[in-house]
């Protein structure tokens, strides 16, 4: 009798731990970040363009 009771308790605790892990992974996969984030559109490159007006300091 004690052996059956011990086995039942261990099996129940083990099943509960496995169920908790499965639930956590399910919640993380549902509400977590997407596997492939959407690409961010590239900003145009800023280029310094020389102008016709030169600063003379006068």
PDB file of N, CA and C in Angstrom:
ATOM      1  N   UNK A   1       0.820  -1.201   0.000  1.00  0.00           N
ATOM      2  CA  UNK A   1       0.000   0.000   0.000  1.00  0.00           C
ATOM      3  C   UNK A   1       0.869   1.273   0.000  1.00  0.00           C
ATOM      4  N   UNK A   2       1.886   1.384   0.872  1.00  0.00           N
ATOM      5  CA  UNK A   2       2.695   2.604   0.834  1.00  0.00           C
ATOM      6  C   UNK A   2       3.422   2.788  -0.504  1.00  0.00           C
ATOM      7  N   UNK A   3       3.802   1.685  -1.137  1.00  0.00           N
ATOM      8  CA  UNK A   3       4.482   1.772  -2.429  1.00  0.00           C
ATOM      9  C   UNK A   3       3.545   2.332  -3.495  1.00  0.00           C
ATOM     10  N   UNK A   4       2.315   1.900  -3.497  1.00  0.00           N
ATOM     11  CA  UNK A   4       1.334   2.401  -4.475  1.00  0.00           C
ATOM     12  C   UNK A   4       1.055   3.877  -4.220  1.00  0.00           C
ATOM     13  N   UNK A   5       0.910   4.266  -2.963  1.00  0.00           N
ATOM     14  CA  UNK A   5       0.663   5.656  -2.618  1.00  0.00           C
ATOM     15  C   UNK A   5       1.839   6.536  -3.035  1.00  0.00           C
ATOM     16  N   UNK A   6       3.062   6.080  -2.771  1.00  0.00           N
ATOM     17  CA  UNK A   6       4.256   6.849  -3.142  1.00  0.00           C
ATOM     18  C   UNK A   6       4.339   7.003  -4.658  1.00  0.00           C
ATOM     19  N   UNK A   7       4.085   5.920  -5.390  1.00  0.00           N
ATOM     20  CA  UNK A   7       4.126   5.985  -6.847  1.00  0.00           C
ATOM     21  C   UNK A   7       3.063   6.929  -7.392  1.00  0.00           C
ATOM     22  N   UNK A   8       1.873   6.897  -6.808  1.00  0.00           N
ATOM     23  CA  UNK A   8       0.787   7.765  -7.251  1.00  0.00           C
ATOM     24  C   UNK A   8       1.136   9.238  -7.029  1.00  0.00           C
ATOM     25  N   UNK A   9       1.703   9.549  -5.869  1.00  0.00           N
ATOM     26  CA  UNK A   9       2.083  10.937  -5.568  1.00  0.00           C
ATOM     27  C   UNK A   9       3.179  11.401  -6.529  1.00  0.00           C
ATOM     28  N   UNK A  10       4.196  10.566  -6.745  1.00  0.00           N
ATOM     29  CA  UNK A  10       5.276  10.945  -7.652  1.00  0.00           C
ATOM     30  C   UNK A  10       4.771  11.130  -9.083  1.00  0.00           C
ATOM     31  N   UNK A  11       3.888  10.257  -9.518  1.00  0.00           N
ATOM     32  CA  UNK A  11       3.333  10.374 -10.864  1.00  0.00           C
ATOM     33  C   UNK A  11       2.496  11.643 -11.002  1.00  0.00           C
ATOM     34  N   UNK A  12       1.728  11.970  -9.989  1.00  0.00           N
ATOM     35  CA  UNK A  12       0.894  13.168 -10.038  1.00  0.00           C
ATOM     36  C   UNK A  12       1.743  14.437 -10.062  1.00  0.00           C
ATOM     37  N   UNK A  13       2.763  14.466  -9.218  1.00  0.00           N
ATOM     38  CA  UNK A  13       3.648  15.641  -9.190  1.00  0.00           C
ATOM     39  C   UNK A  13       4.396  15.772 -10.515  1.00  0.00           C
ATOM     40  N   UNK A  14       4.893  14.672 -11.044  1.00  0.00           N
ATOM     41  CA  UNK A  14       5.595  14.711 -12.328  1.00  0.00           C
ATOM     42  C   UNK A  14       4.691  15.180 -13.456  1.00  0.00           C
ATOM     43  N   UNK A  15       3.470  14.672 -13.474  1.00  0.00           N
ATOM     44  CA  UNK A  15       2.512  15.110 -14.499  1.00  0.00           C
ATOM     45  C   UNK A  15       2.204  16.598 -14.360  1.00  0.00           C
ATOM     46  N   UNK A  16       2.079  17.080 -13.138  1.00  0.00           N
ATOM     47  CA  UNK A  16       1.811  18.507 -12.925  1.00  0.00           C
ATOM     48  C   UNK A  16       2.959  19.377 -13.399  1.00  0.00           C
ATOM     49  N   UNK A  17       4.184  18.948 -13.124  1.00  0.00           N
ATOM     50  CA  UNK A  17       5.347  19.725 -13.571  1.00  0.00           C
ATOM     51  C   UNK A  17       5.412  19.748 -15.096  1.00  0.00           C
ATOM     52  N   UNK A  18       5.216  18.601 -15.731  1.00  0.00           N
ATOM     53  CA  UNK A  18       5.242  18.558 -17.194  1.00  0.00           C
ATOM     54  C   UNK A  18       4.109  19.395 -17.800  1.00  0.00           C
ATOM     55  N   UNK A  19       2.940  19.364 -17.192  1.00  0.00           N
ATOM     56  CA  UNK A  19       1.825  20.165 -17.698  1.00  0.00           C
ATOM     57  C   UNK A  19       2.115  21.655 -17.555  1.00  0.00           C
ATOM     58  N   UNK A  20       2.758  22.038 -16.452  1.00  0.00           N
ATOM     59  CA  UNK A  20       3.105  23.452 -16.261  1.00  0.00           C
ATOM     60  C   UNK A  20       4.123  23.902 -17.303  1.00  0.00           C
ATOM     61  N   UNK A  21       5.148  23.072 -17.564  1.00  0.00           N
ATOM     62  CA  UNK A  21       6.126  23.415 -18.605  1.00  0.00           C
ATOM     63  C   UNK A  21       5.451  23.541 -19.966  1.00  0.00           C
ATOM     64  N   UNK A  22       4.573  22.618 -20.288  1.00  0.00           N
ATOM     65  CA  UNK A  22       3.884  22.670 -21.580  1.00  0.00           C
ATOM     66  C   UNK A  22       3.042  23.932 -21.697  1.00  0.00           C
ATOM     67  N   UNK A  23       2.385  24.322 -20.611  1.00  0.00           N
ATOM     68  CA  UNK A  23       1.549  25.522 -20.644  1.00  0.00           C
ATOM     69  C   UNK A  23       2.387  26.780 -20.817  1.00  0.00           C
ATOM     70  N   UNK A  24       3.523  26.841 -20.147  1.00  0.00           N
ATOM     71  CA  UNK A  24       4.399  28.008 -20.280  1.00  0.00           C
ATOM     72  C   UNK A  24       4.913  28.126 -21.710  1.00  0.00           C
ATOM     73  N   UNK A  25       5.351  27.013 -22.291  1.00  0.00           N
ATOM     74  CA  UNK A  25       5.824  27.054 -23.672  1.00  0.00           C
ATOM     75  C   UNK A  25       4.707  27.418 -24.640  1.00  0.00           C
ATOM     76  N   UNK A  26       3.503  26.952 -24.389  1.00  0.00           N
ATOM     77  CA  UNK A  26       2.376  27.297 -25.254  1.00  0.00           C
ATOM     78  C   UNK A  26       2.066  28.791 -25.173  1.00  0.00           C
ATOM     79  N   UNK A  27       2.090  29.349 -23.973  1.00  0.00           N
ATOM     80  CA  UNK A  27       1.824  30.778 -23.814  1.00  0.00           C
ATOM     81  C   UNK A  27       2.923  31.601 -24.477  1.00  0.00           C
ATOM     82  N   UNK A  28       4.185  31.196 -24.303  1.00  0.00           N
ATOM     83  CA  UNK A  28       5.281  31.931 -24.925  1.00  0.00           C
ATOM     84  C   UNK A  28       5.227  31.856 -26.444  1.00  0.00           C
ATOM     85  N   UNK A  29       4.868  30.721 -26.991  1.00  0.00           N
ATOM     86  CA  UNK A  29       4.799  30.612 -28.446  1.00  0.00           C
ATOM     87  C   UNK A  29       3.611  31.383 -29.001  1.00  0.00           C
ATOM     88  N   UNK A  30       2.547  31.523 -28.213  1.00  0.00           N
ATOM     89  CA  UNK A  30       1.378  32.255 -28.684  1.00  0.00           C
ATOM     90  C   UNK A  30       1.586  33.757 -28.612  1.00  0.00           C
ATOM     91  N   UNK A  31       2.096  34.250 -27.496  1.00  0.00           N
ATOM     92  CA  UNK A  31       2.197  35.685 -27.290  1.00  0.00           C
ATOM     93  C   UNK A  31       3.616  36.214 -27.400  1.00  0.00           C
ATOM     94  N   UNK A  32       4.571  35.364 -27.700  1.00  0.00           N
ATOM     95  CA  UNK A  32       5.961  35.807 -27.796  1.00  0.00           C
ATOM     96  C   UNK A  32       6.231  36.548 -29.089  1.00  0.00           C
ATOM     97  N   UNK A  33       7.482  36.862 -29.312  1.00  0.00           N
ATOM     98  CA  UNK A  33       7.880  37.549 -30.536  1.00  0.00           C
ATOM     99  C   UNK A  33       7.703  36.617 -31.728  1.00  0.00           C
ATOM    100  N   UNK A  34       7.410  37.193 -32.892  1.00  0.00           N
ATOM    101  CA  UNK A  34       7.315  36.340 -34.075  1.00  0.00           C
ATOM    102  C   UNK A  34       8.686  35.780 -34.433  1.00  0.00           C
ATOM    103  N   UNK A  35       8.695  34.629 -35.078  1.00  0.00           N
ATOM    104  CA  UNK A  35       9.952  33.978 -35.423  1.00  0.00           C
ATOM    105  C   UNK A  35      10.773  34.829 -36.389  1.00  0.00           C
ATOM    106  N   UNK A  36      10.122  35.438 -37.359  1.00  0.00           N
ATOM    107  CA  UNK A  36      10.812  36.302 -38.316  1.00  0.00           C
ATOM    108  C   UNK A  36      10.215  37.699 -38.195  1.00  0.00           C
ATOM    109  N   UNK A  37      10.941  38.626 -37.615  1.00  0.00           N
ATOM    110  CA  UNK A  37      10.400  39.985 -37.525  1.00  0.00           C
ATOM    111  C   UNK A  37      10.278  40.608 -38.910  1.00  0.00           C
ATOM    112  N   UNK A  38       9.277  41.454 -39.070  1.00  0.00           N
ATOM    113  CA  UNK A  38       9.079  42.113 -40.354  1.00  0.00           C
ATOM    114  C   UNK A  38      10.246  43.047 -40.625  1.00  0.00           C
ATOM    115  N   UNK A  39      10.734  43.068 -41.866  1.00  0.00           N
ATOM    116  CA  UNK A  39      11.879  43.932 -42.163  1.00  0.00           C
ATOM    117  C   UNK A  39      11.506  45.401 -42.030  1.00  0.00           C
ATOM    118  N   UNK A  40      12.420  46.149 -41.472  1.00  0.00           N
ATOM    119  CA  UNK A  40      12.216  47.583 -41.300  1.00  0.00           C
ATOM    120  C   UNK A  40      12.606  48.259 -42.605  1.00  0.00           C
ATOM    121  N   UNK A  41      11.746  49.145 -43.128  1.00  0.00           N
ATOM    122  CA  UNK A  41      12.119  49.807 -44.377  1.00  0.00           C
ATOM    123  C   UNK A  41      13.394  50.629 -44.192  1.00  0.00           C
ATOM    124  N   UNK A  42      14.274  50.530 -45.167  1.00  0.00           N
ATOM    125  CA  UNK A  42      15.564  51.210 -45.077  1.00  0.00           C
ATOM    126  C   UNK A  42      15.379  52.715 -45.236  1.00  0.00           C
ATOM    127  N   UNK A  43      16.069  53.459 -44.387  1.00  0.00           N
ATOM    128  CA  UNK A  43      16.027  54.909 -44.505  1.00  0.00           C
ATOM    129  C   UNK A  43      16.909  55.329 -45.667  1.00  0.00           C
ATOM    130  N   UNK A  44      16.557  56.414 -46.331  1.00  0.00           N
ATOM    131  CA  UNK A  44      17.442  56.886 -47.400  1.00  0.00           C
ATOM    132  C   UNK A  44      18.770  57.367 -46.811  1.00  0.00           C
ATOM    133  N   UNK A  45      19.834  57.107 -47.521  1.00  0.00           N
ATOM    134  CA  UNK A  45      21.150  57.520 -47.042  1.00  0.00           C
ATOM    135  C   UNK A  45      21.276  59.034 -47.110  1.00  0.00           C
ATOM    136  N   UNK A  46      21.846  59.574 -46.076  1.00  0.00           N
ATOM    137  CA  UNK A  46      22.103  61.012 -46.058  1.00  0.00           C
ATOM    138  C   UNK A  46      23.454  61.263 -46.709  1.00  0.00           C
ATOM    139  N   UNK A  47      23.450  62.122 -47.703  1.00  0.00           N
ATOM    140  CA  UNK A  47      24.669  62.409 -48.444  1.00  0.00           C
ATOM    141  C   UNK A  47      24.914  63.906 -48.390  1.00  0.00           C
ATOM    142  N   UNK A  48      26.142  64.295 -48.073  1.00  0.00           N
ATOM    143  CA  UNK A  48      26.494  65.704 -48.087  1.00  0.00           C
ATOM    144  C   UNK A  48      26.785  66.108 -49.522  1.00  0.00           C
ATOM    145  N   UNK A  49      26.032  67.105 -50.008  1.00  0.00           N
ATOM    146  CA  UNK A  49      26.191  67.561 -51.380  1.00  0.00           C
ATOM    147  C   UNK A  49      26.797  68.955 -51.345  1.00  0.00           C
ATOM    148  N   UNK A  50      27.906  69.154 -52.042  1.00  0.00           N
ATOM    149  CA  UNK A  50      28.488  70.504 -52.067  1.00  0.00           C
ATOM    150  C   UNK A  50      27.583  71.465 -52.831  1.00  0.00           C
ATOM    151  N   UNK A  51      27.494  72.665 -52.325  1.00  0.00           N
ATOM    152  CA  UNK A  51      26.629  73.668 -52.960  1.00  0.00           C
ATOM    153  C   UNK A  51      27.513  74.658 -53.732  1.00  0.00           C
ATOM    154  N   UNK A  52      26.870  75.524 -54.493  1.00  0.00           N
ATOM    155  CA  UNK A  52      27.581  76.556 -55.273  1.00  0.00           C
ATOM    156  C   UNK A  52      27.981  77.729 -54.399  1.00  0.00           C
ATOM    157  N   UNK A  53      27.359  77.899 -53.254  1.00  0.00           N
ATOM    158  CA  UNK A  53      27.659  79.049 -52.388  1.00  0.00           C
ATOM    159  C   UNK A  53      28.774  78.689 -51.444  1.00  0.00           C
ATOM    160  N   UNK A  54      29.895  79.367 -51.569  1.00  0.00           N
ATOM    161  CA  UNK A  54      31.013  79.124 -50.687  1.00  0.00           C
ATOM    162  C   UNK A  54      31.016  80.159 -49.573  1.00  0.00           C
ATOM    163  N   UNK A  55      31.258  79.752 -48.361  1.00  0.00           N
ATOM    164  CA  UNK A  55      31.343  80.695 -47.244  1.00  0.00           C
ATOM    165  C   UNK A  55      32.705  81.376 -47.312  1.00  0.00           C
ATOM    166  N   UNK A  56      32.681  82.686 -47.469  1.00  0.00           N
ATOM    167  CA  UNK A  56      33.955  83.395 -47.613  1.00  0.00           C
ATOM    168  C   UNK A  56      34.416  84.012 -46.308  1.00  0.00           C
ATOM    169  N   UNK A  57      33.569  84.142 -45.352  1.00  0.00           N
ATOM    170  CA  UNK A  57      33.955  84.731 -44.078  1.00  0.00           C
ATOM    171  C   UNK A  57      34.006  86.250 -44.086  1.00  0.00           C
ATOM    172  N   UNK A  58      33.554  86.901 -45.182  1.00  0.00           N
ATOM    173  CA  UNK A  58      33.557  88.370 -45.245  1.00  0.00           C
ATOM    174  C   UNK A  58      32.411  88.936 -44.456  1.00  0.00           C
TER     175      UNK A  58
END
